[in-house]
Amino acid sequence: MTITGIAAIGAGLAAIGAGVGIGKIGGSAMEAMSRQPEMHGKIQSSALILAAFVEAVALFGVVVALLQG
């Protein structure tokens, strides 16, 4: 099985998108925790769940891109 250039670009874009998404989640969570320290636990658990969703979508994108190639 060979991976074509388009599939590799698609997989790379999915990985870059996941990195940007998780970075945005982490930055926003840190800002929210600094504004309301008493909500630390709820914000942290929500950010962790959102990061897992972003990773799942990115993994799905990588798999689809590689299967198309």
C-alpha atoms as a PDB file:
ATOM      1  CA  MET A   1       0.000   0.000   0.000  1.00  0.00           C
ATOM      2  CA  THR A   2       1.476   3.324  -1.025  1.00  0.00           C
ATOM      3  CA  ILE A   3       0.410   6.671   0.337  1.00  0.00           C
ATOM      4  CA  THR A   4      -0.186   9.334  -2.272  1.00  0.00           C
ATOM      5  CA  GLY A   5       0.812  12.948  -1.823  1.00  0.00           C
ATOM      6  CA  ILE A   6      -2.766  14.159  -1.415  1.00  0.00           C
ATOM      7  CA  ALA A   7      -3.429  11.627   1.368  1.00  0.00           C
ATOM      8  CA  ALA A   8      -0.266  12.690   3.162  1.00  0.00           C
ATOM      9  CA  ILE A   9      -1.279  16.349   2.912  1.00  0.00           C
ATOM     10  CA  GLY A  10      -4.738  15.511   4.251  1.00  0.00           C
ATOM     11  CA  ALA A  11      -3.298  13.574   7.172  1.00  0.00           C
ATOM     12  CA  GLY A  12      -0.888  16.421   7.926  1.00  0.00           C
ATOM     13  CA  LEU A  13      -3.676  18.998   7.850  1.00  0.00           C
ATOM     14  CA  ALA A  14      -5.722  16.874  10.256  1.00  0.00           C
ATOM     15  CA  ALA A  15      -2.765  16.696  12.649  1.00  0.00           C
ATOM     16  CA  ILE A  16      -2.101  20.434  12.384  1.00  0.00           C
ATOM     17  CA  GLY A  17      -5.780  21.164  12.995  1.00  0.00           C
ATOM     18  CA  ALA A  18      -5.735  19.015  16.117  1.00  0.00           C
ATOM     19  CA  GLY A  19      -2.663  20.831  17.410  1.00  0.00           C
ATOM     20  CA  VAL A  20      -4.264  24.214  16.874  1.00  0.00           C
ATOM     21  CA  GLY A  21      -7.516  23.068  18.464  1.00  0.00           C
ATOM     22  CA  ILE A  22      -5.875  21.623  21.556  1.00  0.00           C
ATOM     23  CA  GLY A  23      -3.694  24.716  21.906  1.00  0.00           C
ATOM     24  CA  LYS A  24      -6.775  26.924  21.776  1.00  0.00           C
ATOM     25  CA  ILE A  25      -8.553  24.765  24.352  1.00  0.00           C
ATOM     26  CA  GLY A  26      -5.541  24.823  26.678  1.00  0.00           C
ATOM     27  CA  GLY A  27      -5.031  28.568  26.373  1.00  0.00           C
ATOM     28  CA  SER A  28      -8.681  29.337  26.972  1.00  0.00           C
ATOM     29  CA  ALA A  29      -8.819  26.961  29.939  1.00  0.00           C
ATOM     30  CA  MET A  30      -5.774  28.604  31.536  1.00  0.00           C
ATOM     31  CA  GLU A  31      -7.279  32.040  31.040  1.00  0.00           C
ATOM     32  CA  ALA A  32     -10.592  30.895  32.518  1.00  0.00           C
ATOM     33  CA  MET A  33      -8.837  29.320  35.534  1.00  0.00           C
ATOM     34  CA  SER A  34      -6.903  32.513  36.161  1.00  0.00           C
ATOM     35  CA  ARG A  35     -10.131  34.517  36.124  1.00  0.00           C
ATOM     36  CA  GLN A  36     -12.105  32.095  38.322  1.00  0.00           C
ATOM     37  CA  PRO A  37      -9.777  29.884  40.385  1.00  0.00           C
ATOM     38  CA  GLU A  38     -12.683  28.316  42.280  1.00  0.00           C
ATOM     39  CA  MET A  39     -13.897  26.684  39.044  1.00  0.00           C
ATOM     40  CA  HIS A  40     -10.543  24.964  38.429  1.00  0.00           C
ATOM     41  CA  GLY A  41     -11.862  21.396  38.606  1.00  0.00           C
ATOM     42  CA  LYS A  42     -14.833  21.915  36.288  1.00  0.00           C
ATOM     43  CA  ILE A  43     -12.796  23.850  33.739  1.00  0.00           C
ATOM     44  CA  GLN A  44      -9.987  21.299  33.750  1.00  0.00           C
ATOM     45  CA  SER A  45     -12.315  18.337  33.268  1.00  0.00           C
ATOM     46  CA  SER A  46     -14.219  20.121  30.505  1.00  0.00           C
ATOM     47  CA  ALA A  47     -10.976  21.009  28.731  1.00  0.00           C
ATOM     48  CA  LEU A  48      -9.795  17.402  28.976  1.00  0.00           C
ATOM     49  CA  ILE A  49     -13.024  16.083  27.472  1.00  0.00           C
ATOM     50  CA  LEU A  50     -12.897  18.660  24.660  1.00  0.00           C
ATOM     51  CA  ALA A  51      -9.276  17.784  23.918  1.00  0.00           C
ATOM     52  CA  ALA A  52     -10.251  14.112  23.663  1.00  0.00           C
ATOM     53  CA  PHE A  53     -12.990  15.004  21.169  1.00  0.00           C
ATOM     54  CA  VAL A  54     -10.548  17.030  19.077  1.00  0.00           C
ATOM     55  CA  GLU A  55      -8.066  14.151  19.075  1.00  0.00           C
ATOM     56  CA  ALA A  56     -10.796  11.696  18.046  1.00  0.00           C
ATOM     57  CA  VAL A  57     -11.845  13.866  15.106  1.00  0.00           C
ATOM     58  CA  ALA A  58      -8.206  14.339  14.078  1.00  0.00           C
ATOM     59  CA  LEU A  59      -7.559  10.594  14.240  1.00  0.00           C
ATOM     60  CA  PHE A  60     -10.656  10.006  12.132  1.00  0.00           C
ATOM     61  CA  GLY A  61      -9.388  12.562   9.603  1.00  0.00           C
ATOM     62  CA  VAL A  62      -5.962  10.919   9.425  1.00  0.00           C
ATOM     63  CA  VAL A  63      -7.470   7.459   8.939  1.00  0.00           C
ATOM     64  CA  VAL A  64      -9.825   8.661   6.200  1.00  0.00           C
ATOM     65  CA  ALA A  65      -7.014  10.507   4.429  1.00  0.00           C
ATOM     66  CA  LEU A  66      -4.741   7.483   4.521  1.00  0.00           C
ATOM     67  CA  LEU A  67      -7.478   5.105   3.379  1.00  0.00           C
ATOM     68  CA  GLN A  68      -8.217   7.322   0.378  1.00  0.00           C
ATOM     69  CA  GLY A  69      -4.560   7.268  -0.669  1.00  0.00           C
END
